[in-house]
Amino acid sequence: MRLHAVVVVIVSALLAGASSAGAQIRPVPPGWQLERAVLLSRHGVRSPIVPMEELDRHAATPWPTWPVPPGYLTSRGAELMSLMGRYYRVLYGGRGMVQSDDCPPAGTVAVWTDTDQRARQSGAALIAGMYPRCPALAAGSLKDGTGSDPLFHAEPSASCPMDAAANRAAILARIGGDFGSVSREYADPLAKMQAVLCPADTAGGGSRCNLMAVASSLEVQANGGVSIKGPFGIASTAAETFLMEAAEGWPKDKVAWGRLANDAELTDLLSIHRLYVDLTQKTPVVARQKGSNMLTQILATLLDGHKFPDLTPRVEPVRFALLVGNGENISNIEGMLKLGWQIPGFQANEAAPGGALAFELYHEPHTGHRYVRIAYYAQTLEQMREAKELTLSHPPGMQAVDLPACAAYVHENACPLDRFTAIVKEAIDPGCVAIKP
């Protein structure tokens, strides 16, 4: 296969998931009962993870200063997460699954987060938004000093070595062996990014104003992770930073130093970030290594509400479970199950700030059968920018998400539970499952 053809395959795969997603949330079939929902959410709007001095190395104009340390959830990010929490109470309360007007029975609503500040504070904001008058409810996470949570950050083991060289080879194989053809395919958004970082009328950029001076390359890490260095790495970070500025509610003349004519230009630049995530997080071998713990937990909780990572003995099973981590967690699951969606203001399959991938378990009483539906919920960029209240008449961006492997078994736009379970177990690498749900 020629290199150009390889890149076309990559781009087609990126678009395929979005075209398979439903246009809206489908109505619950008459008589069906929603028994449980497990949501995997990304944290909310945060400051750039990369320190400002590092970002400044690649732009003619110094980057704006954020009011919080690198990678921290902002107060606006917490506000937006709270709005999502309030909407979840309305949505799932209306479906009869959670208490909509009072504190829920103990243990039936639970939140577990990653250990970093942005995830912990996002979880706290979600639960506070759902139940502001219920102080006993709190998001849980591993205690400080206990290290990273393997649920969100899988690590190599004897049965799952996460060989970095093999992962690097798998990624390169998807683009024809090097970045030459991909660089040609993305020449236009890369050139636009160069113009934003260093416009022609900006003096003093010097060596910083040559995005293409160093060729893109893959950097392997001891834990099996792979990152992209060079133009794609720089442009991906910059594009996501512009997105966070917009979602933070900055005036449009301040986002990207006011150098974007409209949101369509921002979305175009985000295509670079989308490719970066697709290669580093959704390449099948990487997705299975990094996502098998999380997908195992999601299935276990969906099947048995007593299996949730906070280890608290439960009289009542969890009915609404929130797992709050990072975009990579959602991207891993998306890659494993070949899912897709599209939220206004974002690239197809983007794990938007505060967005959540929902797995919902339904019971059909007259047959006794159970089914699983998947949905994706996220505020649109415009809703984030304006911090709009979310209601049933003015909902966030949301879509039904098809499970391609279940296409031949679908009933009422839902996957039979036994078939869903088989698909998930086939997607998981058992050797990479280190948790015991």
Protein backbone atom coordinates (compact mmCIF):
# COMPACT_ATOMS: atom_id res chain seq x y z
CA MET A 1 0.00 0.00 0.00
CA ARG A 2 1.36 3.43 -0.92
CA LEU A 3 1.97 5.94 1.87
CA HIS A 4 -0.76 8.25 0.62
CA ALA A 5 -3.22 5.38 0.73
CA VAL A 6 -2.19 4.59 4.30
CA VAL A 7 -2.94 8.15 5.40
CA VAL A 8 -6.30 8.08 3.63
CA VAL A 9 -7.13 4.93 5.62
CA ILE A 10 -6.24 6.73 8.88
CA VAL A 11 -8.38 9.76 8.03
CA SER A 12 -11.28 7.57 6.91
CA ALA A 13 -11.09 5.65 10.18
CA LEU A 14 -11.20 8.90 12.13
CA LEU A 15 -14.39 9.93 10.33
CA ALA A 16 -16.06 6.53 10.38
CA GLY A 17 -16.93 6.59 14.07
CA ALA A 18 -18.67 9.95 13.80
CA SER A 19 -20.86 8.89 10.91
CA SER A 20 -22.07 5.87 12.85
CA ALA A 21 -23.24 7.87 15.85
CA GLY A 22 -26.94 8.68 16.14
CA ALA A 23 -28.07 12.25 15.66
CA GLN A 24 -29.63 12.46 19.11
CA ILE A 25 -30.48 10.44 22.20
CA ARG A 26 -33.09 7.85 21.30
CA PRO A 27 -36.26 7.59 23.42
CA VAL A 28 -36.50 4.80 25.96
CA PRO A 29 -38.76 2.06 24.60
CA PRO A 30 -42.18 1.91 26.32
CA GLY A 31 -42.08 -0.20 29.45
CA TRP A 32 -38.30 -0.44 29.62
CA GLN A 33 -36.64 0.37 32.92
CA LEU A 34 -33.24 1.97 33.34
CA GLU A 35 -31.45 -0.01 36.05
CA ARG A 36 -27.93 1.40 36.11
CA ALA A 37 -25.66 3.87 34.34
CA VAL A 38 -21.87 3.96 34.42
CA LEU A 39 -20.36 7.18 33.10
CA LEU A 40 -16.70 7.67 32.25
CA SER A 41 -16.11 11.42 32.34
CA ARG A 42 -13.19 13.61 31.43
CA HIS A 43 -12.22 16.33 33.87
CA GLY A 44 -13.39 19.86 33.18
CA VAL A 45 -11.64 22.88 31.73
CA ARG A 46 -8.06 23.15 32.98
CA SER A 47 -5.01 25.30 32.52
CA PRO A 48 -2.31 24.05 30.10
CA ILE A 49 -0.43 21.04 31.44
CA VAL A 50 2.77 22.14 29.72
CA PRO A 51 4.44 25.01 31.66
CA MET A 52 4.20 28.44 30.07
CA GLU A 53 7.96 28.69 29.56
CA GLU A 54 7.84 25.56 27.42
CA LEU A 55 4.90 26.87 25.38
CA ASP A 56 6.68 30.20 24.91
CA ARG A 57 9.50 28.43 23.09
CA HIS A 58 7.24 27.93 20.07
CA ALA A 59 5.40 31.25 19.75
CA ALA A 60 6.37 34.80 18.87
CA THR A 61 4.04 36.23 21.51
CA PRO A 62 4.16 35.10 25.16
CA TRP A 63 1.24 32.87 26.10
CA PRO A 64 -1.33 34.33 28.50
CA THR A 65 -1.01 33.48 32.17
CA TRP A 66 -3.66 31.29 33.79
CA PRO A 67 -4.93 31.84 37.35
CA VAL A 68 -4.10 28.29 38.49
CA PRO A 69 -1.00 26.04 38.31
CA PRO A 70 -0.37 23.94 35.19
CA GLY A 71 -2.96 21.22 34.66
CA TYR A 72 -5.35 22.43 37.39
CA LEU A 73 -9.11 22.67 37.05
CA THR A 74 -10.16 26.31 36.91
CA SER A 75 -13.08 27.83 38.81
CA ARG A 76 -14.88 28.12 35.46
CA GLY A 77 -14.12 24.46 34.83
CA ALA A 78 -15.71 23.58 38.19
CA GLU A 79 -18.76 25.70 37.34
CA LEU A 80 -19.23 23.88 34.03
CA MET A 81 -18.90 20.49 35.72
CA SER A 82 -21.52 21.52 38.25
CA LEU A 83 -23.87 22.38 35.39
CA MET A 84 -23.34 18.91 33.95
CA GLY A 85 -24.06 17.38 37.35
CA ARG A 86 -27.34 19.27 37.59
CA TYR A 87 -28.30 18.04 34.15
CA TYR A 88 -27.51 14.42 35.05
CA ARG A 89 -29.86 14.71 38.03
CA VAL A 90 -32.63 16.01 35.77
CA LEU A 91 -31.98 13.46 33.01
CA TYR A 92 -31.59 10.35 35.13
CA GLY A 93 -34.12 11.52 37.69
CA GLY A 94 -36.64 11.86 34.88
CA ARG A 95 -35.88 8.28 33.91
CA GLY A 96 -36.60 7.16 37.47
CA MET A 97 -33.09 5.98 38.20
CA VAL A 98 -31.81 8.56 40.71
CA GLN A 99 -33.46 10.74 43.31
CA SER A 100 -34.31 14.01 41.57
CA ASP A 101 -35.69 16.06 44.46
CA ASP A 102 -33.90 14.79 47.58
CA CYS A 103 -30.70 13.07 48.69
CA PRO A 104 -30.36 9.60 47.16
CA PRO A 105 -30.29 6.44 49.28
CA ALA A 106 -26.79 5.81 50.62
CA GLY A 107 -24.47 4.23 48.08
CA THR A 108 -26.78 4.44 45.08
CA VAL A 109 -24.91 7.40 43.58
CA ALA A 110 -21.12 7.12 43.61
CA VAL A 111 -18.17 9.00 42.13
CA TRP A 112 -14.57 7.75 41.85
CA THR A 113 -11.85 9.99 40.44
CA ASP A 114 -8.25 9.95 39.37
CA THR A 115 -5.80 11.35 41.93
CA ASP A 116 -4.84 14.63 40.25
CA GLN A 117 -6.43 17.92 41.23
CA ARG A 118 -8.38 18.40 38.02
CA ALA A 119 -10.09 15.02 38.31
CA ARG A 120 -10.78 15.22 42.05
CA GLN A 121 -12.22 18.72 41.81
CA SER A 122 -14.23 17.78 38.73
CA GLY A 123 -15.76 14.87 40.61
CA ALA A 124 -16.56 17.11 43.56
CA ALA A 125 -18.21 19.66 41.26
CA LEU A 126 -20.29 17.00 39.51
CA ILE A 127 -21.66 15.56 42.73
CA ALA A 128 -22.26 19.05 44.18
CA GLY A 129 -24.15 19.98 41.04
CA MET A 130 -26.30 16.85 41.27
CA TYR A 131 -27.06 17.15 44.96
CA PRO A 132 -26.11 20.56 46.39
CA ARG A 133 -28.05 19.93 49.60
CA CYS A 134 -26.47 16.55 50.33
CA PRO A 135 -23.08 17.20 52.02
CA ALA A 136 -22.66 13.53 52.93
CA LEU A 137 -22.12 12.71 49.26
CA ALA A 138 -18.49 12.97 48.20
CA ALA A 139 -16.26 11.84 45.37
CA GLY A 140 -13.71 9.20 46.30
CA SER A 141 -10.17 8.59 45.08
CA LEU A 142 -6.97 6.93 46.23
CA LYS A 143 -5.39 8.77 49.14
CA ASP A 144 -2.45 11.08 48.57
CA GLY A 145 0.86 9.28 48.63
CA THR A 146 -0.54 5.96 47.40
CA GLY A 147 0.73 6.54 43.85
CA SER A 148 -1.21 6.65 40.60
CA ASP A 149 -4.50 4.81 40.32
CA PRO A 150 -4.09 1.82 37.95
CA LEU A 151 -7.71 2.23 36.90
CA PHE A 152 -6.78 5.48 35.17
CA HIS A 153 -3.06 4.88 34.61
CA ALA A 154 -2.25 1.29 33.70
CA GLU A 155 1.37 0.27 34.28
CA PRO A 156 3.51 -2.49 32.71
CA SER A 157 3.54 -5.92 34.32
CA ALA A 158 4.92 -9.37 33.55
CA SER A 159 1.68 -10.30 31.79
CA CYS A 160 1.35 -6.88 30.12
CA PRO A 161 4.86 -5.61 29.39
CA MET A 162 3.68 -2.63 27.30
CA ASP A 163 6.76 -2.85 25.13
CA ALA A 164 7.44 0.71 24.02
CA ALA A 165 9.34 -0.30 20.90
CA ALA A 166 6.50 -2.56 19.77
CA ASN A 167 3.96 0.18 20.45
CA ARG A 168 6.06 2.63 18.47
CA ALA A 169 6.23 0.18 15.56
CA ALA A 170 2.45 -0.33 15.66
CA ILE A 171 1.83 3.41 15.44
CA LEU A 172 4.33 3.91 12.62
CA ALA A 173 2.77 1.02 10.72
CA ARG A 174 -0.52 2.94 10.61
CA ILE A 175 1.10 5.90 8.82
CA GLY A 176 3.38 4.07 6.43
CA GLY A 177 6.55 3.96 8.53
CA ASP A 178 7.22 7.67 9.08
CA PHE A 179 5.53 11.07 9.26
CA GLY A 180 6.30 12.13 5.70
CA SER A 181 2.93 11.33 4.18
CA VAL A 182 0.96 12.47 7.24
CA SER A 183 2.83 15.79 7.17
CA ARG A 184 1.73 16.30 3.58
CA GLU A 185 -1.86 15.39 4.40
CA TYR A 186 -1.93 17.89 7.27
CA ALA A 187 0.14 20.59 5.57
CA ASP A 188 -2.78 23.05 5.55
CA PRO A 189 -3.69 22.95 9.29
CA LEU A 190 0.01 22.91 10.19
CA ALA A 191 0.56 26.02 8.08
CA LYS A 192 -2.44 27.68 9.73
CA MET A 193 -1.04 26.81 13.14
CA GLN A 194 2.30 28.34 12.16
CA ALA A 195 0.49 31.53 11.15
CA VAL A 196 -1.30 31.67 14.50
CA LEU A 197 1.80 31.02 16.58
CA CYS A 198 3.96 33.38 14.54
CA PRO A 199 1.99 35.69 12.23
CA ALA A 200 3.94 37.42 9.49
CA ASP A 201 3.60 40.85 11.10
CA THR A 202 4.98 39.69 14.46
CA ALA A 203 8.63 40.55 14.97
CA GLY A 204 11.12 38.87 17.24
CA GLY A 205 10.06 35.24 16.87
CA GLY A 206 13.46 34.09 15.69
CA SER A 207 14.00 30.35 15.79
CA ARG A 208 10.69 29.87 17.59
CA CYS A 209 8.83 30.73 14.41
CA ASN A 210 9.65 27.69 12.35
CA LEU A 211 7.21 24.96 13.31
CA MET A 212 8.56 22.59 10.68
CA ALA A 213 12.24 23.08 11.54
CA VAL A 214 12.39 19.67 13.26
CA ALA A 215 10.79 16.56 11.81
CA SER A 216 8.01 14.85 13.77
CA SER A 217 9.06 11.72 15.63
CA LEU A 218 7.77 9.24 18.19
CA GLU A 219 9.25 9.21 21.67
CA VAL A 220 8.82 6.02 23.67
CA GLN A 221 8.51 5.85 27.44
CA ALA A 222 9.30 3.12 29.93
CA ASN A 223 5.61 2.59 30.73
CA GLY A 224 4.77 1.81 27.11
CA GLY A 225 3.46 5.27 26.37
CA VAL A 226 4.36 6.97 23.12
CA SER A 227 4.31 10.71 22.48
CA ILE A 228 4.80 12.65 19.26
CA LYS A 229 7.54 15.24 19.19
CA GLY A 230 8.09 17.99 16.64
CA PRO A 231 5.41 19.82 14.62
CA PHE A 232 2.51 17.49 15.44
CA GLY A 233 3.30 17.48 19.17
CA ILE A 234 3.68 21.26 19.35
CA ALA A 235 0.60 21.96 17.22
CA SER A 236 -1.52 19.45 19.13
CA THR A 237 -0.68 21.08 22.46
CA ALA A 238 -1.32 24.56 21.07
CA ALA A 239 -4.67 23.58 19.54
CA GLU A 240 -5.94 22.06 22.77
CA THR A 241 -4.76 25.11 24.69
CA PHE A 242 -6.77 27.36 22.36
CA LEU A 243 -9.75 25.09 22.99
CA MET A 244 -9.35 25.43 26.74
CA GLU A 245 -9.13 29.23 26.38
CA ALA A 246 -12.41 29.26 24.46
CA ALA A 247 -14.12 26.87 26.89
CA GLU A 248 -12.87 29.00 29.79
CA GLY A 249 -15.00 31.80 28.37
CA TRP A 250 -12.23 34.08 27.19
CA PRO A 251 -13.38 36.77 24.74
CA LYS A 252 -12.93 35.68 21.15
CA ASP A 253 -10.38 38.44 20.60
CA LYS A 254 -8.23 36.87 23.34
CA VAL A 255 -8.41 33.20 22.31
CA ALA A 256 -5.24 32.35 20.36
CA TRP A 257 -4.22 36.01 20.76
CA GLY A 258 -7.31 36.96 18.71
CA ARG A 259 -5.82 35.41 15.58
CA LEU A 260 -8.71 33.06 14.77
CA ALA A 261 -11.52 34.45 12.65
CA ASN A 262 -14.14 32.08 14.05
CA ASP A 263 -14.74 28.75 15.79
CA ALA A 264 -14.49 26.91 12.47
CA GLU A 265 -10.81 27.85 12.32
CA LEU A 266 -10.32 26.50 15.83
CA THR A 267 -12.04 23.25 14.88
CA ASP A 268 -9.76 22.98 11.87
CA LEU A 269 -6.66 23.34 14.04
CA LEU A 270 -8.04 20.70 16.40
CA SER A 271 -7.76 18.16 13.58
CA ILE A 272 -4.06 17.98 14.46
CA HIS A 273 -4.85 17.21 18.09
CA ARG A 274 -7.37 14.64 16.94
CA LEU A 275 -4.74 12.83 14.86
CA TYR A 276 -2.28 12.95 17.78
CA VAL A 277 -4.79 11.31 20.14
CA ASP A 278 -5.85 8.75 17.55
CA LEU A 279 -2.29 7.57 17.01
CA THR A 280 -1.07 7.62 20.62
CA GLN A 281 -4.23 6.47 22.43
CA LYS A 282 -6.42 4.55 19.95
CA THR A 283 -3.85 2.41 18.14
CA PRO A 284 -5.31 -1.01 19.04
CA VAL A 285 -2.38 -2.46 20.98
CA VAL A 286 -1.97 0.76 22.99
CA ALA A 287 -5.70 1.14 23.63
CA ARG A 288 -5.94 -2.42 25.00
CA GLN A 289 -2.92 -1.98 27.27
CA LYS A 290 -4.10 1.33 28.66
CA GLY A 291 -7.86 0.74 28.64
CA SER A 292 -8.38 -2.87 29.76
CA ASN A 293 -8.51 -1.97 33.45
CA MET A 294 -11.10 0.74 32.86
CA LEU A 295 -13.29 -1.32 30.55
CA THR A 296 -13.15 -4.21 33.03
CA GLN A 297 -14.36 -1.87 35.79
CA ILE A 298 -17.15 -0.44 33.64
CA LEU A 299 -18.45 -3.90 32.79
CA ALA A 300 -18.18 -5.14 36.39
CA THR A 301 -20.12 -2.18 37.77
CA LEU A 302 -22.72 -2.40 35.02
CA LEU A 303 -23.31 -6.08 35.81
CA ASP A 304 -23.13 -5.72 39.60
CA GLY A 305 -23.61 -2.38 41.32
CA HIS A 306 -21.74 -3.63 44.37
CA LYS A 307 -18.50 -3.67 42.37
CA PHE A 308 -17.24 -0.11 42.52
CA PRO A 309 -13.66 0.95 43.30
CA ASP A 310 -14.24 2.80 46.56
CA LEU A 311 -14.41 -0.55 48.44
CA THR A 312 -17.17 0.72 50.72
CA PRO A 313 -19.55 -2.09 51.76
CA ARG A 314 -22.88 -1.39 50.10
CA VAL A 315 -26.35 -2.46 51.16
CA GLU A 316 -27.80 -0.86 48.05
CA PRO A 317 -26.03 -1.33 44.71
CA VAL A 318 -24.77 1.71 42.84
CA ARG A 319 -27.32 2.91 40.31
CA PHE A 320 -25.47 5.96 38.99
CA ALA A 321 -21.69 5.55 38.86
CA LEU A 322 -19.27 8.23 37.73
CA LEU A 323 -15.62 7.54 36.95
CA VAL A 324 -13.76 10.81 36.43
CA GLY A 325 -10.38 10.75 34.73
CA ASN A 326 -8.68 12.14 31.66
CA GLY A 327 -9.41 12.30 27.96
CA GLU A 328 -7.03 9.41 27.33
CA ASN A 329 -9.27 7.08 29.34
CA ILE A 330 -12.23 7.80 27.07
CA SER A 331 -10.07 7.58 23.95
CA ASN A 332 -8.75 4.15 24.98
CA ILE A 333 -12.31 2.81 25.39
CA GLU A 334 -13.38 4.43 22.14
CA GLY A 335 -10.50 2.74 20.34
CA MET A 336 -11.18 -0.66 21.91
CA LEU A 337 -14.88 -0.67 21.00
CA LYS A 338 -14.62 1.44 17.81
CA LEU A 339 -17.13 4.01 19.01
CA GLY A 340 -17.87 7.43 17.57
CA TRP A 341 -19.78 10.70 18.14
CA GLN A 342 -19.75 14.37 17.15
CA ILE A 343 -20.45 17.32 19.45
CA PRO A 344 -20.83 20.84 17.96
CA GLY A 345 -17.62 22.85 18.26
CA PHE A 346 -15.40 19.79 18.47
CA GLN A 347 -13.72 17.34 16.15
CA ALA A 348 -15.44 14.00 15.64
CA ASN A 349 -14.80 11.60 18.54
CA GLU A 350 -13.23 14.37 20.64
CA ALA A 351 -13.18 13.68 24.39
CA ALA A 352 -14.39 17.16 25.25
CA PRO A 353 -13.66 18.78 28.62
CA GLY A 354 -16.30 17.49 31.03
CA GLY A 355 -17.76 15.12 28.44
CA ALA A 356 -18.78 11.61 29.43
CA LEU A 357 -19.22 8.25 27.74
CA ALA A 358 -22.28 6.62 29.30
CA PHE A 359 -23.09 2.90 29.47
CA GLU A 360 -26.74 2.43 30.39
CA LEU A 361 -28.33 -0.88 31.45
CA TYR A 362 -32.02 -1.37 30.64
CA HIS A 363 -34.49 -4.07 31.66
CA GLU A 364 -37.35 -5.18 29.42
CA PRO A 365 -39.86 -6.45 32.02
CA HIS A 366 -42.15 -8.51 29.78
CA THR A 367 -39.24 -10.66 28.56
CA GLY A 368 -36.82 -10.31 31.46
CA HIS A 369 -34.05 -9.45 29.00
CA ARG A 370 -31.46 -6.76 29.61
CA TYR A 371 -29.84 -4.45 27.12
CA VAL A 372 -27.07 -1.88 27.02
CA ARG A 373 -27.14 1.47 25.30
CA ILE A 374 -24.16 3.78 24.93
CA ALA A 375 -24.38 7.57 24.78
CA TYR A 376 -22.00 10.50 24.82
CA TYR A 377 -22.82 13.69 26.75
CA ALA A 378 -20.86 16.96 26.56
CA GLN A 379 -21.56 20.67 26.53
CA THR A 380 -21.09 22.27 23.14
CA LEU A 381 -18.30 24.80 22.86
CA GLU A 382 -20.85 27.60 22.81
CA GLN A 383 -22.52 26.26 25.98
CA MET A 384 -19.12 26.14 27.68
CA ARG A 385 -18.21 29.63 26.56
CA GLU A 386 -21.44 31.07 27.96
CA ALA A 387 -21.83 28.69 30.94
CA LYS A 388 -25.40 28.03 29.87
CA GLU A 389 -27.88 26.33 32.17
CA LEU A 390 -28.71 22.84 30.90
CA THR A 391 -32.28 21.57 30.94
CA LEU A 392 -34.36 18.95 29.16
CA SER A 393 -35.48 21.63 26.70
CA HIS A 394 -31.93 23.01 26.37
CA PRO A 395 -29.73 19.93 26.83
CA PRO A 396 -25.99 19.64 26.31
CA GLY A 397 -24.64 18.15 23.13
CA MET A 398 -25.45 14.44 23.30
CA GLN A 399 -25.62 11.50 20.97
CA ALA A 400 -26.56 7.88 20.94
CA VAL A 401 -23.40 5.88 20.21
CA ASP A 402 -23.57 2.73 18.15
CA LEU A 403 -21.53 -0.36 19.04
CA PRO A 404 -20.41 -1.69 15.63
CA ALA A 405 -19.67 -5.21 16.88
CA CYS A 406 -23.30 -5.53 18.02
CA ALA A 407 -24.92 -4.34 14.79
CA ALA A 408 -26.38 -7.75 13.93
CA TYR A 409 -27.95 -8.18 17.39
CA VAL A 410 -29.50 -4.78 18.05
CA HIS A 411 -33.02 -4.64 19.50
CA GLU A 412 -34.70 -1.25 20.01
CA ASN A 413 -31.35 0.40 19.27
CA ALA A 414 -29.79 -1.49 22.19
CA CYS A 415 -27.29 -4.32 22.48
CA PRO A 416 -28.37 -7.46 24.38
CA LEU A 417 -26.46 -7.64 27.65
CA ASP A 418 -24.97 -11.05 26.95
CA ARG A 419 -23.72 -9.92 23.56
CA PHE A 420 -22.39 -6.65 25.02
CA THR A 421 -20.54 -8.62 27.69
CA ALA A 422 -18.97 -10.90 25.08
CA ILE A 423 -17.87 -7.93 22.96
CA VAL A 424 -16.27 -6.19 25.94
CA LYS A 425 -14.47 -9.30 27.11
CA GLU A 426 -13.13 -9.86 23.60
CA ALA A 427 -11.86 -6.27 23.48
CA ILE A 428 -10.06 -6.53 26.83
CA ASP A 429 -6.54 -7.96 27.10
CA PRO A 430 -6.80 -10.19 30.21
CA GLY A 431 -3.06 -9.95 30.77
CA CYS A 432 -3.38 -6.18 31.15
CA VAL A 433 -6.11 -6.31 33.81
CA ALA A 434 -4.47 -5.47 37.13
CA ILE A 435 -7.52 -4.33 39.09
CA LYS A 436 -9.91 -6.58 41.01
CA PRO A 437 -13.36 -5.02 40.70
